[in-house]
Amino acid sequence: PRSAREFDATCNGADDDERPAAACVAPGTLPAADALRALDTGVAV
């Protein structure tokens, strides 16, 4: 709301810190069971 007032924008209910509280990354198509096989050689973090 404060940003909406200050910058003449439309409020979408964000908190004052304007951080996402429920960020959801859409899945892709790589089968999870094959992820290490797709990595082949490298680092699993």
Full PDB file with SEQRES, HELIX, SHEET, SSBOND, CRYST1, ORIGX, SCALE, CONECT and MASTER records, all heavy atoms in Angstrom:
SEQRES   1 A   45  PRO ARG SER ALA ARG GLU PHE ASP ALA THR CYS ASN GLY          
SEQRES   2 A   45  ALA ASP ASP ASP GLU ARG PRO ALA ALA ALA CYS VAL ALA          
SEQRES   3 A   45  PRO GLY THR LEU PRO ALA ALA ASP ALA LEU ARG ALA LEU          
SEQRES   4 A   45  ASP THR GLY VAL ALA VAL                                      
HELIX    1 AA1 ARG A    2  PHE A    7  1                                   6    
HELIX    2 AA2 ALA A   32  ASP A   34  5                                   3    
HELIX    3 AA3 ALA A   35  LEU A   39  1                                   5    
CRYST1    1.000    1.000    1.000  90.00  90.00  90.00 P 1           1          
ORIGX1      1.000000  0.000000  0.000000        0.00000                         
ORIGX2      0.000000  1.000000  0.000000        0.00000                         
ORIGX3      0.000000  0.000000  1.000000        0.00000                         
SCALE1      1.000000  0.000000  0.000000        0.00000                         
SCALE2      0.000000  1.000000  0.000000        0.00000                         
SCALE3      0.000000  0.000000  1.000000        0.00000                         
ATOM      1  N   PRO A   1       0.805  -1.225   0.000  1.00  0.00           N  
ATOM      2  CA  PRO A   1       0.000   0.000   0.000  1.00  0.00           C  
ATOM      3  C   PRO A   1       0.838   1.276   0.000  1.00  0.00           C  
ATOM      4  O   PRO A   1       0.496   2.247  -0.688  1.00  0.00           O  
ATOM      5  CB  PRO A   1      -0.823  -0.133   1.287  1.00  0.00           C  
ATOM      6  CG  PRO A   1      -0.946  -1.607   1.504  1.00  0.00           C  
ATOM      7  CD  PRO A   1       0.365  -2.172   1.050  1.00  0.00           C  
ATOM      8  N   ARG A   2       1.945   1.302   0.741  1.00  0.00           N  
ATOM      9  CA  ARG A   2       2.773   2.516   0.769  1.00  0.00           C  
ATOM     10  C   ARG A   2       3.396   2.779  -0.597  1.00  0.00           C  
ATOM     11  O   ARG A   2       3.456   3.926  -1.053  1.00  0.00           O  
ATOM     12  CB  ARG A   2       3.860   2.401   1.840  1.00  0.00           C  
ATOM     13  CG  ARG A   2       3.323   2.431   3.258  1.00  0.00           C  
ATOM     14  CD  ARG A   2       4.443   2.440   4.282  1.00  0.00           C  
ATOM     15  NE  ARG A   2       5.158   3.698   4.292  1.00  0.00           N  
ATOM     16  CZ  ARG A   2       4.777   4.790   4.955  1.00  0.00           C  
ATOM     17  NH1 ARG A   2       3.652   4.775   5.654  1.00  0.00           N  
ATOM     18  NH2 ARG A   2       5.499   5.883   4.921  1.00  0.00           N  
ATOM     19  N   SER A   3       3.883   1.731  -1.255  1.00  0.00           N  
ATOM     20  CA  SER A   3       4.437   1.913  -2.599  1.00  0.00           C  
ATOM     21  C   SER A   3       3.359   2.365  -3.576  1.00  0.00           C  
ATOM     22  O   SER A   3       3.609   3.189  -4.453  1.00  0.00           O  
ATOM     23  CB  SER A   3       5.085   0.616  -3.092  1.00  0.00           C  
ATOM     24  OG  SER A   3       6.269   0.342  -2.380  1.00  0.00           O  
ATOM     25  N   ALA A   4       2.164   1.808  -3.415  1.00  0.00           N  
ATOM     26  CA  ALA A   4       1.065   2.211  -4.291  1.00  0.00           C  
ATOM     27  C   ALA A   4       0.787   3.701  -4.152  1.00  0.00           C  
ATOM     28  O   ALA A   4       0.585   4.417  -5.153  1.00  0.00           O  
ATOM     29  CB  ALA A   4      -0.186   1.403  -3.962  1.00  0.00           C  
ATOM     30  N   ARG A   5       0.787   4.211  -2.916  1.00  0.00           N  
ATOM     31  CA  ARG A   5       0.527   5.632  -2.687  1.00  0.00           C  
ATOM     32  C   ARG A   5       1.703   6.482  -3.200  1.00  0.00           C  
ATOM     33  O   ARG A   5       1.502   7.499  -3.868  1.00  0.00           O  
ATOM     34  CB  ARG A   5       0.312   5.867  -1.181  1.00  0.00           C  
ATOM     35  CG  ARG A   5       0.188   7.332  -0.773  1.00  0.00           C  
ATOM     36  CD  ARG A   5      -1.055   7.990  -1.335  1.00  0.00           C  
ATOM     37  NE  ARG A   5      -2.272   7.385  -0.837  1.00  0.00           N  
ATOM     38  CZ  ARG A   5      -2.886   7.768   0.291  1.00  0.00           C  
ATOM     39  NH1 ARG A   5      -2.389   8.746   1.017  1.00  0.00           N  
ATOM     40  NH2 ARG A   5      -4.005   7.177   0.654  1.00  0.00           N  
ATOM     41  N   GLU A   6       2.927   6.036  -2.904  1.00  0.00           N  
ATOM     42  CA  GLU A   6       4.096   6.839  -3.273  1.00  0.00           C  
ATOM     43  C   GLU A   6       4.304   6.904  -4.781  1.00  0.00           C  
ATOM     44  O   GLU A   6       4.661   7.965  -5.323  1.00  0.00           O  
ATOM     45  CB  GLU A   6       5.346   6.269  -2.601  1.00  0.00           C  
ATOM     46  CG  GLU A   6       6.616   7.060  -2.884  1.00  0.00           C  
ATOM     47  CD  GLU A   6       7.817   6.550  -2.111  1.00  0.00           C  
ATOM     48  OE1 GLU A   6       7.660   5.580  -1.323  1.00  0.00           O  
ATOM     49  OE2 GLU A   6       8.913   7.111  -2.291  1.00  0.00           O  
ATOM     50  N   PHE A   7       4.081   5.787  -5.473  1.00  0.00           N  
ATOM     51  CA  PHE A   7       4.422   5.718  -6.894  1.00  0.00           C  
ATOM     52  C   PHE A   7       3.194   5.675  -7.806  1.00  0.00           C  
ATOM     53  O   PHE A   7       3.322   5.404  -8.995  1.00  0.00           O  
ATOM     54  CB  PHE A   7       5.303   4.489  -7.153  1.00  0.00           C  
ATOM     55  CG  PHE A   7       6.564   4.465  -6.335  1.00  0.00           C  
ATOM     56  CD1 PHE A   7       6.753   3.493  -5.363  1.00  0.00           C  
ATOM     57  CD2 PHE A   7       7.550   5.424  -6.524  1.00  0.00           C  
ATOM     58  CE1 PHE A   7       7.919   3.467  -4.601  1.00  0.00           C  
ATOM     59  CE2 PHE A   7       8.718   5.400  -5.764  1.00  0.00           C  
ATOM     60  CZ  PHE A   7       8.893   4.425  -4.798  1.00  0.00           C  
ATOM     61  N   ASP A   8       2.020   5.925  -7.230  1.00  0.00           N  
ATOM     62  CA  ASP A   8       0.778   5.929  -8.001  1.00  0.00           C  
ATOM     63  C   ASP A   8       0.619   4.607  -8.765  1.00  0.00           C  
ATOM     64  O   ASP A   8       0.366   4.577  -9.973  1.00  0.00           O  
ATOM     65  CB  ASP A   8       0.745   7.117  -8.974  1.00  0.00           C  
ATOM     66  CG  ASP A   8      -0.645   7.314  -9.570  1.00  0.00           C  
ATOM     67  OD1 ASP A   8      -1.622   6.897  -8.929  1.00  0.00           O  
ATOM     68  OD2 ASP A   8      -0.745   7.865 -10.685  1.00  0.00           O  
ATOM     69  N   ALA A   9       0.815   3.508  -8.035  1.00  0.00           N  
ATOM     70  CA  ALA A   9       0.686   2.163  -8.608  1.00  0.00           C  
ATOM     71  C   ALA A   9      -0.535   1.483  -7.998  1.00  0.00           C  
ATOM     72  O   ALA A   9      -1.175   2.004  -7.093  1.00  0.00           O  
ATOM     73  CB  ALA A   9       1.947   1.352  -8.327  1.00  0.00           C  
ATOM     74  N   THR A  10      -0.856   0.305  -8.497  1.00  0.00           N  
ATOM     75  CA  THR A  10      -1.996  -0.460  -7.988  1.00  0.00           C  
ATOM     76  C   THR A  10      -1.515  -1.479  -6.964  1.00  0.00           C  
ATOM     77  O   THR A  10      -0.675  -2.338  -7.273  1.00  0.00           O  
ATOM     78  CB  THR A  10      -2.719  -1.188  -9.137  1.00  0.00           C  
ATOM     79  OG1 THR A  10      -3.184  -0.216 -10.077  1.00  0.00           O  
ATOM     80  CG2 THR A  10      -3.904  -1.978  -8.602  1.00  0.00           C  
ATOM     81  N   CYS A  11      -2.027  -1.393  -5.759  1.00  0.00           N  
ATOM     82  CA  CYS A  11      -1.638  -2.325  -4.694  1.00  0.00           C  
ATOM     83  C   CYS A  11      -2.172  -3.719  -5.005  1.00  0.00           C  
ATOM     84  O   CYS A  11      -3.318  -3.870  -5.424  1.00  0.00           O  
ATOM     85  CB  CYS A  11      -2.174  -1.824  -3.360  1.00  0.00           C  
ATOM     86  SG  CYS A  11      -1.910  -2.964  -1.991  1.00  0.00           S  
ATOM     87  N   ASN A  12      -1.327  -4.732  -4.791  1.00  0.00           N  
ATOM     88  CA  ASN A  12      -1.808  -6.110  -4.926  1.00  0.00           C  
ATOM     89  C   ASN A  12      -1.625  -6.895  -3.621  1.00  0.00           C  
ATOM     90  O   ASN A  12      -1.424  -8.102  -3.624  1.00  0.00           O  
ATOM     91  CB  ASN A  12      -1.140  -6.831  -6.110  1.00  0.00           C  
ATOM     92  CG  ASN A  12       0.380  -6.831  -6.038  1.00  0.00           C  
ATOM     93  OD1 ASN A  12       0.964  -6.515  -4.991  1.00  0.00           O  
ATOM     94  ND2 ASN A  12       1.028  -7.195  -7.132  1.00  0.00           N  
ATOM     95  N   GLY A  13      -1.706  -6.167  -2.502  1.00  0.00           N  
ATOM     96  CA  GLY A  13      -1.750  -6.828  -1.206  1.00  0.00           C  
ATOM     97  C   GLY A  13      -0.417  -7.286  -0.669  1.00  0.00           C  
ATOM     98  O   GLY A  13      -0.382  -8.109   0.256  1.00  0.00           O  
ATOM     99  N   ALA A  14       0.686  -6.781  -1.192  1.00  0.00           N  
ATOM    100  CA  ALA A  14       1.996  -7.174  -0.679  1.00  0.00           C  
ATOM    101  C   ALA A  14       2.237  -6.550   0.687  1.00  0.00           C  
ATOM    102  O   ALA A  14       1.702  -5.480   1.014  1.00  0.00           O  
ATOM    103  CB  ALA A  14       3.092  -6.749  -1.650  1.00  0.00           C  
ATOM    104  N   ASP A  15       3.045  -7.220   1.504  1.00  0.00           N  
ATOM    105  CA  ASP A  15       3.458  -6.641   2.780  1.00  0.00           C  
ATOM    106  C   ASP A  15       4.475  -5.527   2.527  1.00  0.00           C  
ATOM    107  O   ASP A  15       4.960  -5.345   1.409  1.00  0.00           O  
ATOM    108  CB  ASP A  15       4.063  -7.724   3.674  1.00  0.00           C  
ATOM    109  CG  ASP A  15       3.021  -8.725   4.153  1.00  0.00           C  
ATOM    110  OD1 ASP A  15       1.860  -8.315   4.367  1.00  0.00           O  
ATOM    111  OD2 ASP A  15       3.362  -9.917   4.304  1.00  0.00           O  
ATOM    112  N   ASP A  16       4.838  -4.815   3.590  1.00  0.00           N  
ATOM    113  CA  ASP A  16       5.723  -3.666   3.416  1.00  0.00           C  
ATOM    114  C   ASP A  16       7.074  -4.043   2.816  1.00  0.00           C  
ATOM    115  O   ASP A  16       7.684  -3.251   2.098  1.00  0.00           O  
ATOM    116  CB  ASP A  16       5.953  -2.970   4.767  1.00  0.00           C  
ATOM    117  CG  ASP A  16       4.768  -2.095   5.165  1.00  0.00           C  
ATOM    118  OD1 ASP A  16       3.928  -1.810   4.295  1.00  0.00           O  
ATOM    119  OD2 ASP A  16       4.698  -1.706   6.345  1.00  0.00           O  
ATOM    120  N   ASP A  17       7.580  -5.251   3.116  1.00  0.00           N  
ATOM    121  CA  ASP A  17       8.892  -5.630   2.585  1.00  0.00           C  
ATOM    122  C   ASP A  17       8.833  -6.052   1.118  1.00  0.00           C  
ATOM    123  O   ASP A  17       9.879  -6.197   0.478  1.00  0.00           O  
ATOM    124  CB  ASP A  17       9.538  -6.733   3.425  1.00  0.00           C  
ATOM    125  CG  ASP A  17       8.720  -8.016   3.467  1.00  0.00           C  
ATOM    126  OD1 ASP A  17       7.712  -8.129   2.726  1.00  0.00           O  
ATOM    127  OD2 ASP A  17       9.083  -8.920   4.240  1.00  0.00           O  
ATOM    128  N   GLU A  18       7.632  -6.267   0.586  1.00  0.00           N  
ATOM    129  CA  GLU A  18       7.436  -6.609  -0.825  1.00  0.00           C  
ATOM    130  C   GLU A  18       8.282  -7.809  -1.263  1.00  0.00           C  
ATOM    131  O   GLU A  18       8.817  -7.860  -2.365  1.00  0.00           O  
ATOM    132  CB  GLU A  18       7.703  -5.391  -1.718  1.00  0.00           C  
ATOM    133  CG  GLU A  18       6.711  -4.264  -1.457  1.00  0.00           C  
ATOM    134  CD  GLU A  18       6.897  -3.043  -2.324  1.00  0.00           C  
ATOM    135  OE1 GLU A  18       7.998  -2.841  -2.875  1.00  0.00           O  
ATOM    136  OE2 GLU A  18       5.947  -2.259  -2.447  1.00  0.00           O  
ATOM    137  N   ARG A  19       8.363  -8.776  -0.362  1.00  0.00           N  
ATOM    138  CA  ARG A  19       9.010 -10.054  -0.694  1.00  0.00           C  
ATOM    139  C   ARG A  19       7.931 -11.111  -0.923  1.00  0.00           C  
ATOM    140  O   ARG A  19       6.881 -11.078  -0.272  1.00  0.00           O  
ATOM    141  CB  ARG A  19       9.912 -10.531   0.438  1.00  0.00           C  
ATOM    142  CG  ARG A  19      11.146  -9.705   0.678  1.00  0.00           C  
ATOM    143  CD  ARG A  19      12.032 -10.421   1.679  1.00  0.00           C  
ATOM    144  NE  ARG A  19      13.147  -9.601   2.124  1.00  0.00           N  
ATOM    145  CZ  ARG A  19      14.091 -10.015   2.958  1.00  0.00           C  
ATOM    146  NH1 ARG A  19      14.027 -11.257   3.426  1.00  0.00           N  
ATOM    147  NH2 ARG A  19      15.073  -9.223   3.309  1.00  0.00           N  
ATOM    148  N   PRO A  20       8.172 -12.065  -1.799  1.00  0.00           N  
ATOM    149  CA  PRO A  20       7.202 -13.152  -1.948  1.00  0.00           C  
ATOM    150  C   PRO A  20       7.148 -13.999  -0.683  1.00  0.00           C  
ATOM    151  O   PRO A  20       8.181 -14.308  -0.086  1.00  0.00           O  
ATOM    152  CB  PRO A  20       7.721 -13.950  -3.150  1.00  0.00           C  
ATOM    153  CG  PRO A  20       9.159 -13.576  -3.278  1.00  0.00           C  
ATOM    154  CD  PRO A  20       9.301 -12.189  -2.743  1.00  0.00           C  
ATOM    155  N   ALA A  21       5.947 -14.363  -0.281  1.00  0.00           N  
ATOM    156  CA  ALA A  21       5.770 -15.233   0.881  1.00  0.00           C  
ATOM    157  C   ALA A  21       5.521 -16.669   0.465  1.00  0.00           C  
ATOM    158  O   ALA A  21       5.622 -17.580   1.291  1.00  0.00           O  
ATOM    159  CB  ALA A  21       4.602 -14.732   1.732  1.00  0.00           C  
ATOM    160  N   ALA A  22       5.187 -16.885  -0.812  1.00  0.00           N  
ATOM    161  CA  ALA A  22       4.842 -18.231  -1.284  1.00  0.00           C  
ATOM    162  C   ALA A  22       5.254 -18.382  -2.739  1.00  0.00           C  
ATOM    163  O   ALA A  22       4.427 -18.600  -3.623  1.00  0.00           O  
ATOM    164  CB  ALA A  22       3.353 -18.477  -1.115  1.00  0.00           C  
ATOM    165  N   ALA A  23       6.551 -18.248  -3.004  1.00  0.00           N  
ATOM    166  CA  ALA A  23       7.057 -18.340  -4.375  1.00  0.00           C  
ATOM    167  C   ALA A  23       7.058 -19.787  -4.838  1.00  0.00           C  
ATOM    168  O   ALA A  23       7.632 -20.659  -4.181  1.00  0.00           O  
ATOM    169  CB  ALA A  23       8.465 -17.763  -4.462  1.00  0.00           C  
ATOM    170  N   CYS A  24       6.412 -20.044  -5.969  1.00  0.00           N  
ATOM    171  CA  CYS A  24       6.326 -21.395  -6.516  1.00  0.00           C  
ATOM    172  C   CYS A  24       6.954 -21.419  -7.898  1.00  0.00           C  
ATOM    173  O   CYS A  24       6.512 -20.700  -8.809  1.00  0.00           O  
ATOM    174  CB  CYS A  24       4.873 -21.850  -6.602  1.00  0.00           C  
ATOM    175  SG  CYS A  24       4.099 -22.083  -4.986  1.00  0.00           S  
ATOM    176  N   VAL A  25       7.992 -22.233  -8.056  1.00  0.00           N  
ATOM    177  CA  VAL A  25       8.677 -22.395  -9.340  1.00  0.00           C  
ATOM    178  C   VAL A  25       7.981 -23.515 -10.108  1.00  0.00           C  
ATOM    179  O   VAL A  25       7.832 -24.630  -9.591  1.00  0.00           O  
ATOM    180  CB  VAL A  25      10.166 -22.736  -9.135  1.00  0.00           C  
ATOM    181  CG1 VAL A  25      10.883 -22.855 -10.480  1.00  0.00           C  
ATOM    182  CG2 VAL A  25      10.842 -21.694  -8.249  1.00  0.00           C  
ATOM    183  N   ALA A  26       7.564 -23.228 -11.313  1.00  0.00           N  
ATOM    184  CA  ALA A  26       6.866 -24.235 -12.114  1.00  0.00           C  
ATOM    185  C   ALA A  26       7.809 -25.375 -12.466  1.00  0.00           C  
ATOM    186  O   ALA A  26       8.958 -25.144 -12.862  1.00  0.00           O  
ATOM    187  CB  ALA A  26       6.316 -23.598 -13.386  1.00  0.00           C  
ATOM    188  N   PRO A  27       7.368 -26.631 -12.328  1.00  0.00           N  
ATOM    189  CA  PRO A  27       8.211 -27.772 -12.704  1.00  0.00           C  
ATOM    190  C   PRO A  27       8.482 -27.777 -14.204  1.00  0.00           C  
ATOM    191  O   PRO A  27       7.791 -27.116 -14.990  1.00  0.00           O  
ATOM    192  CB  PRO A  27       7.392 -28.993 -12.292  1.00  0.00           C  
ATOM    193  CG  PRO A  27       6.285 -28.476 -11.455  1.00  0.00           C  
ATOM    194  CD  PRO A  27       6.070 -27.045 -11.803  1.00  0.00           C  
ATOM    195  N   GLY A  28       9.510 -28.557 -14.585  1.00  0.00           N  
ATOM    196  CA  GLY A  28       9.830 -28.727 -15.995  1.00  0.00           C  
ATOM    197  C   GLY A  28       9.425 -30.103 -16.485  1.00  0.00           C  
ATOM    198  O   GLY A  28       8.408 -30.659 -16.052  1.00  0.00           O  
ATOM    199  N   THR A  29      10.250 -30.658 -17.353  1.00  0.00           N  
ATOM    200  CA  THR A  29       9.916 -31.950 -17.973  1.00  0.00           C  
ATOM    201  C   THR A  29      10.939 -33.036 -17.684  1.00  0.00           C  
ATOM    202  O   THR A  29      10.735 -34.183 -18.065  1.00  0.00           O  
ATOM    203  CB  THR A  29       9.795 -31.780 -19.498  1.00  0.00           C  
ATOM    204  OG1 THR A  29      11.038 -31.275 -20.026  1.00  0.00           O  
ATOM    205  CG2 THR A  29       8.672 -30.807 -19.848  1.00  0.00           C  
ATOM    206  N   LEU A  30      12.034 -32.708 -17.025  1.00  0.00           N  
ATOM    207  CA  LEU A  30      13.058 -33.708 -16.726  1.00  0.00           C  
ATOM    208  C   LEU A  30      12.552 -34.642 -15.631  1.00  0.00           C  
ATOM    209  O   LEU A  30      12.256 -34.193 -14.519  1.00  0.00           O  
ATOM    210  CB  LEU A  30      14.347 -33.021 -16.259  1.00  0.00           C  
ATOM    211  CG  LEU A  30      15.489 -33.928 -15.781  1.00  0.00           C  
ATOM    212  CD1 LEU A  30      16.005 -34.814 -16.913  1.00  0.00           C  
ATOM    213  CD2 LEU A  30      16.625 -33.094 -15.193  1.00  0.00           C  
ATOM    214  N   PRO A  31      12.418 -35.948 -15.889  1.00  0.00           N  
ATOM    215  CA  PRO A  31      11.960 -36.854 -14.831  1.00  0.00           C  
ATOM    216  C   PRO A  31      12.892 -36.812 -13.633  1.00  0.00           C  
ATOM    217  O   PRO A  31      14.116 -36.952 -13.783  1.00  0.00           O  
ATOM    218  CB  PRO A  31      11.976 -38.235 -15.509  1.00  0.00           C  
ATOM    219  CG  PRO A  31      11.865 -37.933 -16.981  1.00  0.00           C  
ATOM    220  CD  PRO A  31      12.615 -36.648 -17.182  1.00  0.00           C  
ATOM    221  N   ALA A  32      12.330 -36.605 -12.465  1.00  0.00           N  
ATOM    222  CA  ALA A  32      13.155 -36.485 -11.261  1.00  0.00           C  
ATOM    223  C   ALA A  32      14.007 -37.733 -11.041  1.00  0.00           C  
ATOM    224  O   ALA A  32      15.150 -37.650 -10.580  1.00  0.00           O  
ATOM    225  CB  ALA A  32      12.264 -36.218 -10.051  1.00  0.00           C  
ATOM    226  N   ALA A  33      13.453 -38.894 -11.379  1.00  0.00           N  
ATOM    227  CA  ALA A  33      14.200 -40.143 -11.191  1.00  0.00           C  
ATOM    228  C   ALA A  33      15.428 -40.235 -12.091  1.00  0.00           C  
ATOM    229  O   ALA A  33      16.343 -41.022 -11.821  1.00  0.00           O  
ATOM    230  CB  ALA A  33      13.278 -41.331 -11.446  1.00  0.00           C  
ATOM    231  N   ASP A  34      15.453 -39.441 -13.166  1.00  0.00           N  
ATOM    232  CA  ASP A  34      16.572 -39.474 -14.110  1.00  0.00           C  
ATOM    233  C   ASP A  34      17.530 -38.299 -13.941  1.00  0.00           C  
ATOM    234  O   ASP A  34      18.415 -38.095 -14.765  1.00  0.00           O  
ATOM    235  CB  ASP A  34      16.035 -39.455 -15.549  1.00  0.00           C  
ATOM    236  CG  ASP A  34      15.205 -40.690 -15.874  1.00  0.00           C  
ATOM    237  OD1 ASP A  34      15.427 -41.723 -15.218  1.00  0.00           O  
ATOM    238  OD2 ASP A  34      14.345 -40.598 -16.775  1.00  0.00           O  
ATOM    239  N   ALA A  35      17.340 -37.495 -12.872  1.00  0.00           N  
ATOM    240  CA  ALA A  35      18.110 -36.261 -12.744  1.00  0.00           C  
ATOM    241  C   ALA A  35      19.605 -36.526 -12.618  1.00  0.00           C  
ATOM    242  O   ALA A  35      20.428 -35.866 -13.278  1.00  0.00           O  
ATOM    243  CB  ALA A  35      17.610 -35.459 -11.552  1.00  0.00           C  
ATOM    244  N   LEU A  36      20.006 -37.476 -11.789  1.00  0.00           N  
ATOM    245  CA  LEU A  36      21.437 -37.771 -11.644  1.00  0.00           C  
ATOM    246  C   LEU A  36      22.007 -38.325 -12.936  1.00  0.00           C  
ATOM    247  O   LEU A  36      23.146 -38.009 -13.318  1.00  0.00           O  
ATOM    248  CB  LEU A  36      21.663 -38.755 -10.497  1.00  0.00           C  
ATOM    249  CG  LEU A  36      21.626 -38.173  -9.075  1.00  0.00           C  
ATOM    250  CD1 LEU A  36      21.759 -39.279  -8.047  1.00  0.00           C  
ATOM    251  CD2 LEU A  36      22.730 -37.129  -8.883  1.00  0.00           C  
ATOM    252  N   ARG A  37      21.232 -39.141 -13.635  1.00  0.00           N  
ATOM    253  CA  ARG A  37      21.693 -39.678 -14.916  1.00  0.00           C  
ATOM    254  C   ARG A  37      21.884 -38.546 -15.925  1.00  0.00           C  
ATOM    255  O   ARG A  37      22.837 -38.539 -16.700  1.00  0.00           O  
ATOM    256  CB  ARG A  37      20.689 -40.702 -15.429  1.00  0.00           C  
ATOM    257  CG  ARG A  37      21.201 -41.510 -16.637  1.00  0.00           C  
ATOM    258  CD  ARG A  37      20.180 -42.543 -17.110  1.00  0.00           C  
ATOM    259  NE  ARG A  37      19.778 -43.421 -16.037  1.00  0.00           N  
ATOM    260  CZ  ARG A  37      18.535 -43.522 -15.573  1.00  0.00           C  
ATOM    261  NH1 ARG A  37      17.562 -42.789 -16.093  1.00  0.00           N  
ATOM    262  NH2 ARG A  37      18.251 -44.354 -14.586  1.00  0.00           N  
ATOM    263  N   ALA A  38      21.005 -37.560 -15.880  1.00  0.00           N  
ATOM    264  CA  ALA A  38      21.138 -36.414 -16.783  1.00  0.00           C  
ATOM    265  C   ALA A  38      22.332 -35.550 -16.408  1.00  0.00           C  
ATOM    266  O   ALA A  38      22.989 -34.969 -17.277  1.00  0.00           O  
ATOM    267  CB  ALA A  38      19.852 -35.587 -16.750  1.00  0.00           C  
ATOM    268  N   LEU A  39      22.630 -35.470 -15.112  1.00  0.00           N  
ATOM    269  CA  LEU A  39      23.832 -34.738 -14.695  1.00  0.00           C  
ATOM    270  C   LEU A  39      25.073 -35.398 -15.249  1.00  0.00           C  
ATOM    271  O   LEU A  39      26.018 -34.729 -15.663  1.00  0.00           O  
ATOM    272  CB  LEU A  39      23.887 -34.689 -13.162  1.00  0.00           C  
ATOM    273  CG  LEU A  39      25.171 -34.112 -12.546  1.00  0.00           C  
ATOM    274  CD1 LEU A  39      25.367 -32.647 -12.937  1.00  0.00           C  
ATOM    275  CD2 LEU A  39      25.151 -34.272 -11.023  1.00  0.00           C  
ATOM    276  N   ASP A  40      25.088 -36.724 -15.273  1.00  0.00           N  
ATOM    277  CA  ASP A  40      26.221 -37.521 -15.753  1.00  0.00           C  
ATOM    278  C   ASP A  40      27.418 -37.329 -14.833  1.00  0.00           C  
ATOM    279  O   ASP A  40      27.572 -38.040 -13.861  1.00  0.00           O  
ATOM    280  CB  ASP A  40      26.547 -37.187 -17.208  1.00  0.00           C  
ATOM    281  CG  ASP A  40      27.552 -38.158 -17.808  1.00  0.00           C  
ATOM    282  OD1 ASP A  40      27.659 -39.289 -17.283  1.00  0.00           O  
ATOM    283  OD2 ASP A  40      28.227 -37.797 -18.780  1.00  0.00           O  
ATOM    284  N   THR A  41      28.266 -36.355 -15.121  1.00  0.00           N  
ATOM    285  CA  THR A  41      29.445 -36.097 -14.289  1.00  0.00           C  
ATOM    286  C   THR A  41      29.431 -34.636 -13.865  1.00  0.00           C  
ATOM    287  O   THR A  41      29.343 -33.735 -14.711  1.00  0.00           O  
ATOM    288  CB  THR A  41      30.736 -36.416 -15.045  1.00  0.00           C  
ATOM    289  OG1 THR A  41      30.752 -37.818 -15.374  1.00  0.00           O  
ATOM    290  CG2 THR A  41      31.957 -36.092 -14.193  1.00  0.00           C  
ATOM    291  N   GLY A  42      29.491 -34.424 -12.563  1.00  0.00           N  
ATOM    292  CA  GLY A  42      29.450 -33.058 -12.056  1.00  0.00           C  
ATOM    293  C   GLY A  42      29.168 -33.041 -10.573  1.00  0.00           C  
ATOM    294  O   GLY A  42      29.488 -33.987  -9.843  1.00  0.00           O  
ATOM    295  N   VAL A  43      28.552 -31.965 -10.110  1.00  0.00           N  
ATOM    296  CA  VAL A  43      28.339 -31.720  -8.690  1.00  0.00           C  
ATOM    297  C   VAL A  43      26.841 -31.710  -8.389  1.00  0.00           C  
ATOM    298  O   VAL A  43      26.084 -30.990  -9.048  1.00  0.00           O  
ATOM    299  CB  VAL A  43      28.977 -30.384  -8.258  1.00  0.00           C  
ATOM    300  CG1 VAL A  43      28.725 -30.134  -6.770  1.00  0.00           C  
ATOM    301  CG2 VAL A  43      30.473 -30.374  -8.557  1.00  0.00           C  
ATOM    302  N   ALA A  44      26.431 -32.498  -7.404  1.00  0.00           N  
ATOM    303  CA  ALA A  44      25.053 -32.465  -6.908  1.00  0.00           C  
ATOM    304  C   ALA A  44      25.034 -31.623  -5.644  1.00  0.00           C  
ATOM    305  O   ALA A  44      25.645 -31.984  -4.634  1.00  0.00           O  
ATOM    306  CB  ALA A  44      24.548 -33.878  -6.618  1.00  0.00           C  
ATOM    307  N   VAL A  45      24.368 -30.488  -5.704  1.00  0.00           N  
ATOM    308  CA  VAL A  45      24.347 -29.511  -4.605  1.00  0.00           C  
ATOM    309  C   VAL A  45      23.047 -29.652  -3.826  1.00  0.00           C  
ATOM    310  O   VAL A  45      21.962 -29.501  -4.395  1.00  0.00           O  
ATOM    311  CB  VAL A  45      24.484 -28.074  -5.144  1.00  0.00           C  
ATOM    312  CG1 VAL A  45      24.408 -27.063  -4.004  1.00  0.00           C  
ATOM    313  CG2 VAL A  45      25.797 -27.905  -5.905  1.00  0.00           C  
TER     314      VAL A  45                                                      
MASTER        0    0    0    3    0    0    0    6  313    1    0    4          
END                                                                             
